[in-house]
Protein backbone atom coordinates (compact mmCIF):
# COMPACT_ATOMS: atom_id res chain seq x y z
CA MET A 1 197.86 19.01 -168.35
CA LEU A 2 194.79 17.90 -166.45
CA LYS A 3 194.45 17.10 -162.75
CA TYR A 4 191.74 14.92 -161.23
CA ASP A 5 191.18 13.87 -157.63
CA LEU A 6 191.18 10.21 -156.60
CA ASN A 7 187.43 10.02 -157.26
CA GLY A 8 187.87 11.13 -160.87
CA ASN A 9 186.57 14.67 -160.37
CA PHE A 10 188.22 17.30 -162.57
CA LEU A 11 190.20 19.84 -160.50
CA TYR A 12 192.01 22.10 -163.00
CA SER A 13 194.02 22.24 -166.21
CA TRP A 14 196.87 24.27 -167.68
CA GLY A 15 198.94 24.38 -170.85
CA THR A 16 198.11 24.09 -174.52
CA TRP A 17 198.99 21.95 -177.52
CA GLY A 18 201.76 23.32 -179.76
CA ASP A 19 205.43 23.26 -180.72
CA PHE A 20 206.18 26.76 -179.39
CA PRO A 21 207.69 27.66 -175.98
CA GLY A 22 205.09 26.78 -173.34
CA GLY A 23 203.10 24.60 -175.73
CA MET A 24 203.31 20.81 -175.50
CA TRP A 25 203.56 18.44 -178.45
CA GLY A 26 203.84 14.69 -177.98
CA VAL A 27 204.41 14.57 -174.22
CA HIS A 28 206.37 11.44 -173.39
CA GLY A 29 207.63 11.97 -169.83
CA LEU A 30 206.97 14.07 -166.72
CA SER A 31 209.03 14.76 -163.61
CA THR A 32 209.37 17.20 -160.71
CA ASP A 33 212.18 18.35 -158.45
CA GLN A 34 212.42 19.47 -154.81
CA GLU A 35 211.87 23.15 -155.70
CA GLY A 36 208.48 22.42 -157.27
CA ASN A 37 209.69 22.73 -160.87
CA PHE A 38 207.87 20.57 -163.39
CA TYR A 39 209.64 19.02 -166.39
CA VAL A 40 207.97 17.81 -169.59
CA ALA A 41 209.79 15.66 -172.18
CA GLU A 42 208.29 15.79 -175.67
CA VAL A 43 208.78 13.18 -178.40
CA ASP A 44 207.33 15.07 -181.36
CA SER A 45 209.30 18.28 -180.80
CA GLY A 46 212.42 16.53 -179.44
CA ARG A 47 212.76 18.80 -176.43
CA ALA A 48 212.28 19.10 -172.70
CA GLN A 49 210.68 22.09 -171.02
CA LYS A 50 210.91 23.34 -167.45
CA TYR A 51 207.98 25.04 -165.76
CA ARG A 52 208.51 27.00 -162.53
CA PRO A 53 205.75 27.74 -160.02
CA ARG A 54 204.59 31.35 -160.00
CA PRO A 55 205.71 33.35 -156.95
CA GLY A 56 203.06 32.96 -154.24
CA ALA A 57 201.41 29.99 -155.97
CA ASN A 58 199.32 27.75 -153.77
CA PRO A 59 201.44 24.60 -153.18
CA ALA A 60 198.27 22.47 -153.15
CA PHE A 61 197.91 23.18 -156.88
CA ALA A 62 201.57 22.59 -157.75
CA ALA A 63 202.48 19.74 -160.07
CA SER A 64 204.87 18.50 -157.41
CA ALA A 65 202.22 18.36 -154.68
CA SER A 66 201.91 14.65 -155.47
CA PRO A 67 204.91 13.73 -157.64
CA LEU A 68 204.29 11.35 -160.49
CA HIS A 69 207.98 10.47 -160.55
CA ALA A 70 210.78 12.38 -158.87
CA ALA A 71 214.13 12.28 -160.65
CA TRP A 72 215.97 13.33 -157.48
CA LYS A 73 215.75 12.02 -153.93
């Protein structure tokens, strides 16, 4: 996963390619929830993974800081 600001400047990245737990293979959909969890749906591996923020993580760097699409209201 890569994050850029609105001017196209690279901010940070996380994750890796792969079909193992924590790896991502054929990402097809992304979502967040109110607790800051981040969900990734993968076509090639046929699974969905849930990523939780680390305790004490800076909310400004959370995937849900600016939701792409929230599945819950």
